[in-house]
Amino acid sequence: MTIYYKFVRMSKFFIDSLFSVIKKENSIKKWERKIKRINLENNDILSKLLNDDDVFVDVGANTGSVTEELLKRKKLSLCILFEPIPVYYNYCKEKFSKSENVIVENYALTDKKGEFSIFMSEQNFGWNTMIGSRASHDMKELSINGISFDEYIEKNPLKKINLIKIDVEGAEYKVLNGMKKTIAKYKPIIFCEIGFGKSLHPNWNEEVEIFEWIFNNGYKRIDYNVEKTQDVILYPLAN
């Protein structure tokens, strides 16, 4: 992180703290202020990857703050948010209730349709994972509905998909495996968090397999062998 973003984060921290007290905000609203500070740099990057009239897909939307920020900067034709945890899904539905170009879906994107478990932290609102072996003892297990993005697109066809953001705390291999047809057809830019890194990810071989598939299907090769959680950008060769 650059000195600039560190300075901006610190400045916003003091401002947000003051507003949070004045407005007597609830815990989710306080978390949203925090995640907006954390995502300052990423939001700048994502904004530069988009043009007006583009289609943006937000996988693991949480409070929808990323989409909210991008809509302030770009006139996107459509945003589709996937958030499986009811409290965050409802928060997003309310936030975007008047936005005709935003669709919020109460699904986890994965590699097949079905019912799954997700582990939700009640202390850290950004720490929710489908990777059970990485869940901590204080996390709450929830039953959620999952669907593959390929199946979703078959039922809800689109003319284009320009950018997909994936933040699913280690389950990115499941998400990506469930959108192979979509990736091959639309060639979107993919902004993806790699959870845990190669040393700690319990399914690292599956991560490697899907990234290699992506590189062999029209995407620029990058070094994904990170040692800790890190964001990467996957560009189609045409870009």
C-alpha atoms as a PDB file:
ATOM      1  CA  MET A   1       0.000   0.000   0.000  1.00  0.00           C
ATOM      2  CA  THR A   2       1.338   3.435  -0.929  1.00  0.00           C
ATOM      3  CA  ILE A   3       1.846   6.309   1.518  1.00  0.00           C
ATOM      4  CA  TYR A   4      -1.067   8.077  -0.177  1.00  0.00           C
ATOM      5  CA  TYR A   5      -3.576   5.336   0.646  1.00  0.00           C
ATOM      6  CA  LYS A   6      -2.239   5.005   4.195  1.00  0.00           C
ATOM      7  CA  PHE A   7      -2.769   8.728   4.715  1.00  0.00           C
ATOM      8  CA  VAL A   8      -6.276   8.686   3.218  1.00  0.00           C
ATOM      9  CA  ARG A   9      -7.247   5.664   5.306  1.00  0.00           C
ATOM     10  CA  MET A  10      -6.061   7.326   8.489  1.00  0.00           C
ATOM     11  CA  SER A  11      -7.882  10.554   7.671  1.00  0.00           C
ATOM     12  CA  LYS A  12     -11.105   8.711   6.887  1.00  0.00           C
ATOM     13  CA  PHE A  13     -10.783   6.675  10.075  1.00  0.00           C
ATOM     14  CA  PHE A  14     -11.049   9.774  12.253  1.00  0.00           C
ATOM     15  CA  ILE A  15     -13.867  11.250  10.162  1.00  0.00           C
ATOM     16  CA  ASP A  16     -15.789   7.960  10.092  1.00  0.00           C
ATOM     17  CA  SER A  17     -15.383   7.468  13.834  1.00  0.00           C
ATOM     18  CA  LEU A  18     -16.873  10.887  14.481  1.00  0.00           C
ATOM     19  CA  PHE A  19     -19.829  10.376  12.119  1.00  0.00           C
ATOM     20  CA  SER A  20     -20.465   6.893  13.483  1.00  0.00           C
ATOM     21  CA  VAL A  21     -20.833   8.243  17.017  1.00  0.00           C
ATOM     22  CA  ILE A  22     -22.977  11.198  15.947  1.00  0.00           C
ATOM     23  CA  LYS A  23     -25.328   9.016  13.888  1.00  0.00           C
ATOM     24  CA  LYS A  24     -25.383   6.181  16.462  1.00  0.00           C
ATOM     25  CA  GLU A  25     -24.752   3.655  13.699  1.00  0.00           C
ATOM     26  CA  ASN A  26     -25.322  -0.064  14.113  1.00  0.00           C
ATOM     27  CA  SER A  27     -22.516  -2.621  13.831  1.00  0.00           C
ATOM     28  CA  ILE A  28     -23.048  -3.372  10.120  1.00  0.00           C
ATOM     29  CA  LYS A  29     -22.946   0.305   9.202  1.00  0.00           C
ATOM     30  CA  LYS A  30     -19.747   0.716  11.219  1.00  0.00           C
ATOM     31  CA  TRP A  31     -18.276  -2.283   9.409  1.00  0.00           C
ATOM     32  CA  GLU A  32     -19.235  -0.815   6.058  1.00  0.00           C
ATOM     33  CA  ARG A  33     -17.355   2.380   6.857  1.00  0.00           C
ATOM     34  CA  LYS A  34     -14.314   0.262   7.723  1.00  0.00           C
ATOM     35  CA  ILE A  35     -14.457  -1.880   4.581  1.00  0.00           C
ATOM     36  CA  LYS A  36     -14.749   1.227   2.428  1.00  0.00           C
ATOM     37  CA  ARG A  37     -11.472   2.428   3.928  1.00  0.00           C
ATOM     38  CA  ILE A  38      -9.858  -0.972   3.393  1.00  0.00           C
ATOM     39  CA  ASN A  39     -11.005  -1.075  -0.240  1.00  0.00           C
ATOM     40  CA  LEU A  40      -9.877   2.427  -1.224  1.00  0.00           C
ATOM     41  CA  GLU A  41      -7.047   1.221  -3.447  1.00  0.00           C
ATOM     42  CA  ASN A  42      -8.959  -1.748  -4.864  1.00  0.00           C
ATOM     43  CA  ASN A  43     -11.903   0.462  -5.776  1.00  0.00           C
ATOM     44  CA  ASP A  44      -9.578   2.776  -7.685  1.00  0.00           C
ATOM     45  CA  ILE A  45      -8.169  -0.222  -9.564  1.00  0.00           C
ATOM     46  CA  LEU A  46     -11.605  -1.661 -10.334  1.00  0.00           C
ATOM     47  CA  SER A  47     -12.876   1.695 -11.543  1.00  0.00           C
ATOM     48  CA  LYS A  48     -10.021   1.921 -14.045  1.00  0.00           C
ATOM     49  CA  LEU A  49     -10.916  -1.530 -15.386  1.00  0.00           C
ATOM     50  CA  LEU A  50     -14.475  -0.443 -16.188  1.00  0.00           C
ATOM     51  CA  ASN A  51     -16.067   1.819 -18.774  1.00  0.00           C
ATOM     52  CA  ASP A  52     -19.505   3.382 -18.883  1.00  0.00           C
ATOM     53  CA  ASP A  53     -22.174   0.890 -20.023  1.00  0.00           C
ATOM     54  CA  ASP A  54     -20.142  -2.115 -18.791  1.00  0.00           C
ATOM     55  CA  VAL A  55     -21.546  -5.115 -16.902  1.00  0.00           C
ATOM     56  CA  PHE A  56     -20.039  -5.810 -13.473  1.00  0.00           C
ATOM     57  CA  VAL A  57     -20.467  -8.973 -11.384  1.00  0.00           C
ATOM     58  CA  ASP A  58     -19.731  -8.824  -7.643  1.00  0.00           C
ATOM     59  CA  VAL A  59     -19.197 -12.289  -6.134  1.00  0.00           C
ATOM     60  CA  GLY A  60     -19.146 -12.149  -2.358  1.00  0.00           C
ATOM     61  CA  ALA A  61     -20.754  -8.724  -2.215  1.00  0.00           C
ATOM     62  CA  ASN A  62     -20.969  -8.474   1.600  1.00  0.00           C
ATOM     63  CA  THR A  63     -22.536  -5.019   2.201  1.00  0.00           C
ATOM     64  CA  GLY A  64     -22.354  -4.047  -1.479  1.00  0.00           C
ATOM     65  CA  SER A  65     -19.891  -1.243  -0.789  1.00  0.00           C
ATOM     66  CA  VAL A  66     -17.685  -2.043  -3.802  1.00  0.00           C
ATOM     67  CA  THR A  67     -20.586  -1.885  -6.245  1.00  0.00           C
ATOM     68  CA  GLU A  68     -21.881   1.245  -4.538  1.00  0.00           C
ATOM     69  CA  GLU A  69     -18.551   3.001  -5.016  1.00  0.00           C
ATOM     70  CA  LEU A  70     -18.178   1.911  -8.651  1.00  0.00           C
ATOM     71  CA  LEU A  71     -21.650   3.215  -9.472  1.00  0.00           C
ATOM     72  CA  LYS A  72     -20.562   6.630  -8.231  1.00  0.00           C
ATOM     73  CA  ARG A  73     -17.751   6.640 -10.769  1.00  0.00           C
ATOM     74  CA  LYS A  74     -19.145   4.796 -13.790  1.00  0.00           C
ATOM     75  CA  LYS A  75     -22.519   4.639 -15.547  1.00  0.00           C
ATOM     76  CA  LEU A  76     -22.656   0.858 -15.547  1.00  0.00           C
ATOM     77  CA  SER A  77     -25.441  -0.772 -17.514  1.00  0.00           C
ATOM     78  CA  LEU A  78     -25.820  -3.669 -15.073  1.00  0.00           C
ATOM     79  CA  CYS A  79     -24.401  -4.868 -11.756  1.00  0.00           C
ATOM     80  CA  ILE A  80     -25.168  -8.359 -10.438  1.00  0.00           C
ATOM     81  CA  LEU A  81     -24.353  -9.004  -6.787  1.00  0.00           C
ATOM     82  CA  PHE A  82     -24.151 -12.465  -5.217  1.00  0.00           C
ATOM     83  CA  GLU A  83     -24.344 -12.604  -1.428  1.00  0.00           C
ATOM     84  CA  PRO A  84     -25.463 -15.817   0.326  1.00  0.00           C
ATOM     85  CA  ILE A  85     -25.617 -14.625   3.944  1.00  0.00           C
ATOM     86  CA  PRO A  86     -29.148 -13.348   4.668  1.00  0.00           C
ATOM     87  CA  VAL A  87     -28.216 -10.319   6.788  1.00  0.00           C
ATOM     88  CA  TYR A  88     -25.864  -8.941   4.109  1.00  0.00           C
ATOM     89  CA  TYR A  89     -28.171  -9.916   1.255  1.00  0.00           C
ATOM     90  CA  ASN A  90     -31.031  -7.998   2.884  1.00  0.00           C
ATOM     91  CA  TYR A  91     -28.725  -5.045   3.509  1.00  0.00           C
ATOM     92  CA  CYS A  92     -27.801  -4.977  -0.185  1.00  0.00           C
ATOM     93  CA  LYS A  93     -31.414  -5.374  -1.305  1.00  0.00           C
ATOM     94  CA  GLU A  94     -32.410  -2.361   0.763  1.00  0.00           C
ATOM     95  CA  LYS A  95     -29.421  -0.307  -0.373  1.00  0.00           C
ATOM     96  CA  PHE A  96     -30.061  -0.876  -4.077  1.00  0.00           C
ATOM     97  CA  SER A  97     -33.863  -1.058  -3.940  1.00  0.00           C
ATOM     98  CA  LYS A  98     -34.191   2.032  -6.133  1.00  0.00           C
ATOM     99  CA  SER A  99     -31.396   1.109  -8.560  1.00  0.00           C
ATOM    100  CA  GLU A 100     -32.888  -0.339 -11.742  1.00  0.00           C
ATOM    101  CA  ASN A 101     -29.481  -1.476 -13.015  1.00  0.00           C
ATOM    102  CA  VAL A 102     -28.601  -3.542  -9.916  1.00  0.00           C
ATOM    103  CA  ILE A 103     -29.654  -7.150  -9.277  1.00  0.00           C
ATOM    104  CA  VAL A 104     -28.951  -8.726  -5.882  1.00  0.00           C
ATOM    105  CA  GLU A 105     -29.032 -12.533  -5.677  1.00  0.00           C
ATOM    106  CA  ASN A 106     -29.150 -14.571  -2.455  1.00  0.00           C
ATOM    107  CA  TYR A 107     -26.806 -17.294  -3.714  1.00  0.00           C
ATOM    108  CA  ALA A 108     -23.287 -18.470  -3.133  1.00  0.00           C
ATOM    109  CA  LEU A 109     -21.591 -18.976  -6.468  1.00  0.00           C
ATOM    110  CA  THR A 110     -19.971 -22.389  -6.502  1.00  0.00           C
ATOM    111  CA  ASP A 111     -19.326 -25.296  -8.870  1.00  0.00           C
ATOM    112  CA  LYS A 112     -22.780 -26.883  -8.629  1.00  0.00           C
ATOM    113  CA  LYS A 113     -26.319 -26.182  -7.529  1.00  0.00           C
ATOM    114  CA  GLY A 114     -27.302 -27.256  -4.030  1.00  0.00           C
ATOM    115  CA  GLU A 115     -27.403 -26.479  -0.340  1.00  0.00           C
ATOM    116  CA  PHE A 116     -24.108 -25.733   1.386  1.00  0.00           C
ATOM    117  CA  SER A 117     -22.655 -24.635   4.698  1.00  0.00           C
ATOM    118  CA  ILE A 118     -20.977 -21.295   5.212  1.00  0.00           C
ATOM    119  CA  PHE A 119     -19.251 -20.206   8.398  1.00  0.00           C
ATOM    120  CA  MET A 120     -20.012 -16.664   9.505  1.00  0.00           C
ATOM    121  CA  SER A 121     -17.991 -14.630  11.958  1.00  0.00           C
ATOM    122  CA  GLU A 122     -20.097 -12.504  14.272  1.00  0.00           C
ATOM    123  CA  GLN A 123     -17.069 -10.397  15.242  1.00  0.00           C
ATOM    124  CA  ASN A 124     -15.375  -9.807  11.876  1.00  0.00           C
ATOM    125  CA  PHE A 125     -18.164  -9.138   9.369  1.00  0.00           C
ATOM    126  CA  GLY A 126     -15.805  -9.656   6.433  1.00  0.00           C
ATOM    127  CA  TRP A 127     -14.710 -13.120   7.513  1.00  0.00           C
ATOM    128  CA  ASN A 128     -17.212 -15.634   6.156  1.00  0.00           C
ATOM    129  CA  THR A 129     -16.036 -18.800   4.440  1.00  0.00           C
ATOM    130  CA  MET A 130     -17.287 -22.016   2.861  1.00  0.00           C
ATOM    131  CA  ILE A 131     -13.933 -23.682   3.608  1.00  0.00           C
ATOM    132  CA  GLY A 132     -14.908 -25.509   6.786  1.00  0.00           C
ATOM    133  CA  SER A 133     -11.384 -26.567   7.714  1.00  0.00           C
ATOM    134  CA  ARG A 134     -10.376 -22.897   7.943  1.00  0.00           C
ATOM    135  CA  ALA A 135     -13.337 -21.834  10.083  1.00  0.00           C
ATOM    136  CA  SER A 136     -12.631 -20.781  13.659  1.00  0.00           C
ATOM    137  CA  HIS A 137     -14.506 -22.156  16.679  1.00  0.00           C
ATOM    138  CA  ASP A 138     -16.431 -18.929  17.261  1.00  0.00           C
ATOM    139  CA  MET A 139     -17.998 -18.876  13.784  1.00  0.00           C
ATOM    140  CA  LYS A 140     -21.674 -19.615  13.211  1.00  0.00           C
ATOM    141  CA  GLU A 141     -22.572 -22.293  10.641  1.00  0.00           C
ATOM    142  CA  LEU A 142     -25.367 -21.344   8.247  1.00  0.00           C
ATOM    143  CA  SER A 143     -27.130 -23.314   5.521  1.00  0.00           C
ATOM    144  CA  ILE A 144     -27.142 -21.424   2.209  1.00  0.00           C
ATOM    145  CA  ASN A 145     -28.166 -21.983  -1.396  1.00  0.00           C
ATOM    146  CA  GLY A 146     -25.513 -22.252  -4.082  1.00  0.00           C
ATOM    147  CA  ILE A 147     -25.523 -22.192  -7.862  1.00  0.00           C
ATOM    148  CA  SER A 148     -22.892 -22.188 -10.582  1.00  0.00           C
ATOM    149  CA  PHE A 149     -22.534 -18.989 -12.556  1.00  0.00           C
ATOM    150  CA  ASP A 150     -22.765 -20.984 -15.784  1.00  0.00           C
ATOM    151  CA  GLU A 151     -26.202 -22.242 -14.763  1.00  0.00           C
ATOM    152  CA  TYR A 152     -27.244 -18.752 -13.702  1.00  0.00           C
ATOM    153  CA  ILE A 153     -26.223 -17.298 -17.071  1.00  0.00           C
ATOM    154  CA  GLU A 154     -28.045 -20.069 -18.940  1.00  0.00           C
ATOM    155  CA  LYS A 155     -31.240 -18.933 -17.205  1.00  0.00           C
ATOM    156  CA  ASN A 156     -30.376 -15.218 -17.343  1.00  0.00           C
ATOM    157  CA  PRO A 157     -28.384 -14.687 -20.560  1.00  0.00           C
ATOM    158  CA  LEU A 158     -26.336 -11.528 -21.017  1.00  0.00           C
ATOM    159  CA  LYS A 159     -24.846  -9.880 -24.088  1.00  0.00           C
ATOM    160  CA  LYS A 160     -21.597  -9.139 -22.282  1.00  0.00           C
ATOM    161  CA  ILE A 161     -19.756  -9.415 -18.973  1.00  0.00           C
ATOM    162  CA  ASN A 162     -16.841  -7.035 -18.591  1.00  0.00           C
ATOM    163  CA  LEU A 163     -15.528  -7.480 -15.062  1.00  0.00           C
ATOM    164  CA  ILE A 164     -16.003 -10.068 -12.324  1.00  0.00           C
ATOM    165  CA  LYS A 165     -14.846  -9.386  -8.761  1.00  0.00           C
ATOM    166  CA  ILE A 166     -14.437 -12.468  -6.553  1.00  0.00           C
ATOM    167  CA  ASP A 167     -13.925 -12.250  -2.789  1.00  0.00           C
ATOM    168  CA  VAL A 168     -14.975 -15.535  -1.214  1.00  0.00           C
ATOM    169  CA  GLU A 169     -12.334 -16.331   1.417  1.00  0.00           C
ATOM    170  CA  GLY A 170     -10.675 -19.368  -0.159  1.00  0.00           C
ATOM    171  CA  ALA A 171     -13.605 -20.742  -2.188  1.00  0.00           C
ATOM    172  CA  GLU A 172     -12.511 -19.024  -5.407  1.00  0.00           C
ATOM    173  CA  TYR A 173     -11.633 -22.364  -7.038  1.00  0.00           C
ATOM    174  CA  LYS A 174     -15.273 -23.421  -6.604  1.00  0.00           C
ATOM    175  CA  VAL A 175     -16.554 -20.141  -8.060  1.00  0.00           C
ATOM    176  CA  LEU A 176     -14.193 -20.268 -11.044  1.00  0.00           C
ATOM    177  CA  ASN A 177     -14.904 -23.937 -11.767  1.00  0.00           C
ATOM    178  CA  GLY A 178     -18.583 -23.041 -11.910  1.00  0.00           C
ATOM    179  CA  MET A 179     -18.060 -20.345 -14.539  1.00  0.00           C
ATOM    180  CA  LYS A 180     -15.807 -22.051 -17.098  1.00  0.00           C
ATOM    181  CA  LYS A 181     -18.339 -21.723 -19.920  1.00  0.00           C
ATOM    182  CA  THR A 182     -18.931 -18.084 -19.046  1.00  0.00           C
ATOM    183  CA  ILE A 183     -15.216 -17.313 -18.946  1.00  0.00           C
ATOM    184  CA  ALA A 184     -14.636 -19.033 -22.284  1.00  0.00           C
ATOM    185  CA  LYS A 185     -17.515 -17.173 -23.948  1.00  0.00           C
ATOM    186  CA  TYR A 186     -17.310 -13.650 -22.503  1.00  0.00           C
ATOM    187  CA  LYS A 187     -13.606 -13.369 -21.580  1.00  0.00           C
ATOM    188  CA  PRO A 188     -14.218 -10.931 -18.695  1.00  0.00           C
ATOM    189  CA  ILE A 189     -11.445  -9.366 -16.673  1.00  0.00           C
ATOM    190  CA  ILE A 190     -11.372 -11.205 -13.328  1.00  0.00           C
ATOM    191  CA  PHE A 191     -10.335  -9.439 -10.128  1.00  0.00           C
ATOM    192  CA  CYS A 192      -9.906 -12.283  -7.656  1.00  0.00           C
ATOM    193  CA  GLU A 193      -8.753 -12.611  -4.082  1.00  0.00           C
ATOM    194  CA  ILE A 194      -6.668 -15.748  -3.534  1.00  0.00           C
ATOM    195  CA  GLY A 195      -7.480 -16.808  -0.002  1.00  0.00           C
ATOM    196  CA  PHE A 196      -4.875 -17.994   2.511  1.00  0.00           C
ATOM    197  CA  GLY A 197      -1.999 -18.487   0.040  1.00  0.00           C
ATOM    198  CA  LYS A 198      -0.406 -21.726  -1.128  1.00  0.00           C
ATOM    199  CA  SER A 199       1.014 -22.728   2.265  1.00  0.00           C
ATOM    200  CA  LEU A 200      -2.252 -22.502   4.188  1.00  0.00           C
ATOM    201  CA  HIS A 201      -4.958 -23.195   1.600  1.00  0.00           C
ATOM    202  CA  PRO A 202      -6.376 -26.693   2.276  1.00  0.00           C
ATOM    203  CA  ASN A 203      -7.358 -27.120  -1.390  1.00  0.00           C
ATOM    204  CA  TRP A 204      -4.361 -25.549  -3.088  1.00  0.00           C
ATOM    205  CA  ASN A 205      -4.194 -28.229  -5.810  1.00  0.00           C
ATOM    206  CA  GLU A 206      -7.715 -27.271  -6.874  1.00  0.00           C
ATOM    207  CA  GLU A 207      -6.665 -23.608  -6.947  1.00  0.00           C
ATOM    208  CA  VAL A 208      -3.706 -24.462  -9.184  1.00  0.00           C
ATOM    209  CA  GLU A 209      -5.859 -26.569 -11.498  1.00  0.00           C
ATOM    210  CA  ILE A 210      -8.418 -23.844 -12.200  1.00  0.00           C
ATOM    211  CA  PHE A 211      -5.827 -21.093 -12.637  1.00  0.00           C
ATOM    212  CA  GLU A 212      -3.925 -23.252 -15.127  1.00  0.00           C
ATOM    213  CA  TRP A 213      -7.189 -23.896 -16.982  1.00  0.00           C
ATOM    214  CA  ILE A 214      -7.789 -20.141 -17.199  1.00  0.00           C
ATOM    215  CA  PHE A 215      -4.282 -19.513 -18.572  1.00  0.00           C
ATOM    216  CA  ASN A 216      -4.801 -22.252 -21.159  1.00  0.00           C
ATOM    217  CA  ASN A 217      -8.084 -20.696 -22.254  1.00  0.00           C
ATOM    218  CA  GLY A 218      -7.134 -17.242 -23.417  1.00  0.00           C
ATOM    219  CA  TYR A 219      -5.766 -15.432 -20.363  1.00  0.00           C
ATOM    220  CA  LYS A 220      -2.394 -13.877 -19.622  1.00  0.00           C
ATOM    221  CA  ARG A 221      -0.299 -15.936 -17.239  1.00  0.00           C
ATOM    222  CA  ILE A 222       0.454 -14.443 -13.825  1.00  0.00           C
ATOM    223  CA  ASP A 223       2.276 -15.686 -10.733  1.00  0.00           C
ATOM    224  CA  TYR A 224      -0.473 -16.910  -8.422  1.00  0.00           C
ATOM    225  CA  ASN A 225       1.810 -18.777  -5.992  1.00  0.00           C
ATOM    226  CA  VAL A 226       1.293 -16.231  -3.237  1.00  0.00           C
ATOM    227  CA  GLU A 227       2.252 -16.912   0.367  1.00  0.00           C
ATOM    228  CA  LYS A 228      -0.725 -15.136   1.903  1.00  0.00           C
ATOM    229  CA  THR A 229      -4.143 -13.782   0.947  1.00  0.00           C
ATOM    230  CA  GLN A 230      -3.671 -11.527  -2.067  1.00  0.00           C
ATOM    231  CA  ASP A 231      -5.660  -9.975  -4.900  1.00  0.00           C
ATOM    232  CA  VAL A 232      -4.774 -10.790  -8.508  1.00  0.00           C
ATOM    233  CA  ILE A 233      -6.095  -9.557 -11.851  1.00  0.00           C
ATOM    234  CA  LEU A 234      -6.657 -12.014 -14.696  1.00  0.00           C
ATOM    235  CA  TYR A 235      -6.635 -10.331 -18.099  1.00  0.00           C
ATOM    236  CA  PRO A 236      -7.814 -11.972 -21.325  1.00  0.00           C
ATOM    237  CA  LEU A 237      -5.088 -12.027 -23.966  1.00  0.00           C
ATOM    238  CA  ALA A 238      -7.036  -9.561 -26.105  1.00  0.00           C
ATOM    239  CA  ASN A 239      -6.591  -6.840 -23.423  1.00  0.00           C
END
